[in-house]
Amino acid sequence: MMIEKTYAYSLEDVKKVEKLINDDPMMLNHMVFPMNQGLPEHYSNSNVYMIVVQGTLTLQLDEQEPHQYGKGNILNIPFHTKMNVNNKDEEVLELFVMKAPNPRIYKEA
């Protein structure tokens, strides 16, 4: 019997949004976006950390100009911030998105 839990994530370079961990302390998603792909505009539903592991993230928050972040960057976006998440470059964008606490905690409060 193992004490630890293991989680696998996709290794493909095709558009994908995977919910890997959905525990109360936090939620972890894995996202892959080819060029000109991303998420629909939305508001952050928790305290969000984005970890860029491949490619370049183009991120626009609220009304500020878009900024770009390459692999090796970790970003923190506060709760209820308007977000535009995109890949504007040829290289595939891959990132992990950690939400802490889990968004359902905000709904219960």
C-alpha atoms as a PDB file:
ATOM      1  CA  MET A   1       0.000   0.000   0.000  1.00  0.00           C
ATOM      2  CA  MET A   2       1.336   3.445  -0.963  1.00  0.00           C
ATOM      3  CA  ILE A   3       1.036   6.492   1.266  1.00  0.00           C
ATOM      4  CA  GLU A   4       1.526   8.971  -1.584  1.00  0.00           C
ATOM      5  CA  LYS A   5      -0.918   9.742  -4.361  1.00  0.00           C
ATOM      6  CA  THR A   6       0.340  10.031  -7.898  1.00  0.00           C
ATOM      7  CA  TYR A   7      -1.084  12.143 -10.706  1.00  0.00           C
ATOM      8  CA  ALA A   8      -0.307  11.817 -14.414  1.00  0.00           C
ATOM      9  CA  TYR A   9      -0.678  14.590 -16.979  1.00  0.00           C
ATOM     10  CA  SER A  10      -0.725  14.654 -20.768  1.00  0.00           C
ATOM     11  CA  LEU A  11       2.532  14.892 -22.671  1.00  0.00           C
ATOM     12  CA  GLU A  12       0.875  15.768 -26.010  1.00  0.00           C
ATOM     13  CA  ASP A  13       1.292  19.145 -27.765  1.00  0.00           C
ATOM     14  CA  VAL A  14      -2.438  19.511 -28.491  1.00  0.00           C
ATOM     15  CA  LYS A  15      -4.911  21.861 -26.788  1.00  0.00           C
ATOM     16  CA  LYS A  16      -5.814  20.441 -23.422  1.00  0.00           C
ATOM     17  CA  VAL A  17      -7.104  21.638 -20.047  1.00  0.00           C
ATOM     18  CA  GLU A  18      -6.799  18.910 -17.421  1.00  0.00           C
ATOM     19  CA  LYS A  19      -7.958  19.128 -13.812  1.00  0.00           C
ATOM     20  CA  LEU A  20      -5.300  17.063 -12.026  1.00  0.00           C
ATOM     21  CA  ILE A  21      -5.966  17.722  -8.331  1.00  0.00           C
ATOM     22  CA  ASN A  22      -9.239  18.943  -6.841  1.00  0.00           C
ATOM     23  CA  ASP A  23      -8.666  18.942  -3.066  1.00  0.00           C
ATOM     24  CA  ASP A  24      -9.951  21.579  -0.621  1.00  0.00           C
ATOM     25  CA  PRO A  25      -6.534  23.143   0.036  1.00  0.00           C
ATOM     26  CA  MET A  26      -5.913  23.628  -3.682  1.00  0.00           C
ATOM     27  CA  MET A  27      -6.765  22.768  -7.258  1.00  0.00           C
ATOM     28  CA  LEU A  28      -4.106  21.999  -9.881  1.00  0.00           C
ATOM     29  CA  ASN A  29      -4.754  22.176 -13.621  1.00  0.00           C
ATOM     30  CA  HIS A  30      -2.459  21.348 -16.529  1.00  0.00           C
ATOM     31  CA  MET A  31      -2.971  23.356 -19.732  1.00  0.00           C
ATOM     32  CA  VAL A  32      -1.510  23.072 -23.229  1.00  0.00           C
ATOM     33  CA  PHE A  33      -2.206  25.662 -25.929  1.00  0.00           C
ATOM     34  CA  PRO A  34      -0.865  25.608 -29.493  1.00  0.00           C
ATOM     35  CA  MET A  35      -0.402  28.966 -31.266  1.00  0.00           C
ATOM     36  CA  ASN A  36      -3.466  31.274 -31.155  1.00  0.00           C
ATOM     37  CA  GLN A  37      -5.217  29.136 -28.534  1.00  0.00           C
ATOM     38  CA  GLY A  38      -6.108  30.002 -24.950  1.00  0.00           C
ATOM     39  CA  LEU A  39      -8.932  30.407 -22.469  1.00  0.00           C
ATOM     40  CA  PRO A  40     -12.045  32.544 -22.873  1.00  0.00           C
ATOM     41  CA  GLU A  41     -11.896  35.835 -20.955  1.00  0.00           C
ATOM     42  CA  HIS A  42     -12.878  35.174 -17.355  1.00  0.00           C
ATOM     43  CA  TYR A  43     -12.352  36.320 -13.757  1.00  0.00           C
ATOM     44  CA  SER A  44     -10.019  34.380 -11.477  1.00  0.00           C
ATOM     45  CA  ASN A  45     -12.130  32.328  -9.079  1.00  0.00           C
ATOM     46  CA  SER A  46      -9.384  31.939  -6.462  1.00  0.00           C
ATOM     47  CA  ASN A  47      -5.830  33.038  -5.718  1.00  0.00           C
ATOM     48  CA  VAL A  48      -4.106  31.728  -8.871  1.00  0.00           C
ATOM     49  CA  TYR A  49      -0.502  30.688  -9.511  1.00  0.00           C
ATOM     50  CA  MET A  50       0.573  30.050 -13.118  1.00  0.00           C
ATOM     51  CA  ILE A  51       3.763  28.070 -13.708  1.00  0.00           C
ATOM     52  CA  VAL A  52       5.048  28.300 -17.297  1.00  0.00           C
ATOM     53  CA  VAL A  53       6.980  25.154 -18.267  1.00  0.00           C
ATOM     54  CA  GLN A  54       7.126  25.531 -22.068  1.00  0.00           C
ATOM     55  CA  GLY A  55       6.562  28.317 -24.571  1.00  0.00           C
ATOM     56  CA  THR A  56       5.457  31.881 -23.884  1.00  0.00           C
ATOM     57  CA  LEU A  57       2.304  32.919 -22.041  1.00  0.00           C
ATOM     58  CA  THR A  58       0.581  36.126 -23.197  1.00  0.00           C
ATOM     59  CA  LEU A  59      -1.440  37.351 -20.230  1.00  0.00           C
ATOM     60  CA  GLN A  60      -3.690  40.395 -19.953  1.00  0.00           C
ATOM     61  CA  LEU A  61      -5.100  41.239 -16.524  1.00  0.00           C
ATOM     62  CA  ASP A  62      -7.950  43.701 -16.034  1.00  0.00           C
ATOM     63  CA  GLU A  63      -7.306  46.688 -18.344  1.00  0.00           C
ATOM     64  CA  GLN A  64      -3.495  46.567 -18.406  1.00  0.00           C
ATOM     65  CA  GLU A  65      -1.498  45.881 -21.561  1.00  0.00           C
ATOM     66  CA  PRO A  66      -0.729  42.193 -22.277  1.00  0.00           C
ATOM     67  CA  HIS A  67       2.554  40.894 -20.851  1.00  0.00           C
ATOM     68  CA  GLN A  68       4.561  37.858 -21.956  1.00  0.00           C
ATOM     69  CA  TYR A  69       6.171  35.274 -19.697  1.00  0.00           C
ATOM     70  CA  GLY A  70       8.459  32.435 -20.786  1.00  0.00           C
ATOM     71  CA  LYS A  71       9.208  29.078 -19.227  1.00  0.00           C
ATOM     72  CA  GLY A  72      10.592  29.272 -15.743  1.00  0.00           C
ATOM     73  CA  ASN A  73       8.186  32.017 -14.646  1.00  0.00           C
ATOM     74  CA  ILE A  74       5.640  31.676 -11.842  1.00  0.00           C
ATOM     75  CA  LEU A  75       2.893  34.293 -11.701  1.00  0.00           C
ATOM     76  CA  ASN A  76       0.399  35.073  -8.934  1.00  0.00           C
ATOM     77  CA  ILE A  77      -2.987  36.523  -9.897  1.00  0.00           C
ATOM     78  CA  PRO A  78      -5.302  37.727  -7.097  1.00  0.00           C
ATOM     79  CA  PHE A  79      -8.880  36.524  -6.675  1.00  0.00           C
ATOM     80  CA  HIS A  80     -11.489  38.133  -8.975  1.00  0.00           C
ATOM     81  CA  THR A  81      -9.064  39.566 -11.555  1.00  0.00           C
ATOM     82  CA  LYS A  82     -10.189  39.706 -15.207  1.00  0.00           C
ATOM     83  CA  MET A  83      -7.914  37.401 -17.212  1.00  0.00           C
ATOM     84  CA  ASN A  84      -7.053  36.781 -20.845  1.00  0.00           C
ATOM     85  CA  VAL A  85      -4.750  33.768 -21.200  1.00  0.00           C
ATOM     86  CA  ASN A  86      -3.307  33.068 -24.668  1.00  0.00           C
ATOM     87  CA  ASN A  87      -0.462  31.667 -26.711  1.00  0.00           C
ATOM     88  CA  LYS A  88       0.491  34.160 -29.437  1.00  0.00           C
ATOM     89  CA  ASP A  89       3.738  32.355 -30.402  1.00  0.00           C
ATOM     90  CA  GLU A  90       4.577  29.378 -32.612  1.00  0.00           C
ATOM     91  CA  GLU A  91       5.990  27.270 -29.771  1.00  0.00           C
ATOM     92  CA  VAL A  92       3.373  25.301 -27.833  1.00  0.00           C
ATOM     93  CA  LEU A  93       2.520  26.851 -24.437  1.00  0.00           C
ATOM     94  CA  GLU A  94       2.358  24.507 -21.458  1.00  0.00           C
ATOM     95  CA  LEU A  95       1.569  25.637 -17.936  1.00  0.00           C
ATOM     96  CA  PHE A  96       0.327  24.417 -14.599  1.00  0.00           C
ATOM     97  CA  VAL A  97      -2.319  26.496 -12.831  1.00  0.00           C
ATOM     98  CA  MET A  98      -2.614  26.147  -9.071  1.00  0.00           C
ATOM     99  CA  LYS A  99      -5.620  27.655  -7.290  1.00  0.00           C
ATOM    100  CA  ALA A 100      -5.316  28.007  -3.534  1.00  0.00           C
ATOM    101  CA  PRO A 101      -7.668  27.642  -1.862  1.00  0.00           C
ATOM    102  CA  ASN A 102      -9.840  25.530  -4.119  1.00  0.00           C
ATOM    103  CA  PRO A 103     -12.442  27.826  -5.784  1.00  0.00           C
ATOM    104  CA  ARG A 104     -15.272  25.946  -4.058  1.00  0.00           C
ATOM    105  CA  ILE A 105     -14.021  27.387  -0.729  1.00  0.00           C
ATOM    106  CA  TYR A 106     -14.799  30.904  -2.042  1.00  0.00           C
ATOM    107  CA  LYS A 107     -18.289  29.765  -3.025  1.00  0.00           C
ATOM    108  CA  GLU A 108     -18.920  28.409   0.466  1.00  0.00           C
ATOM    109  CA  ALA A 109     -17.750  31.598   2.215  1.00  0.00           C
END
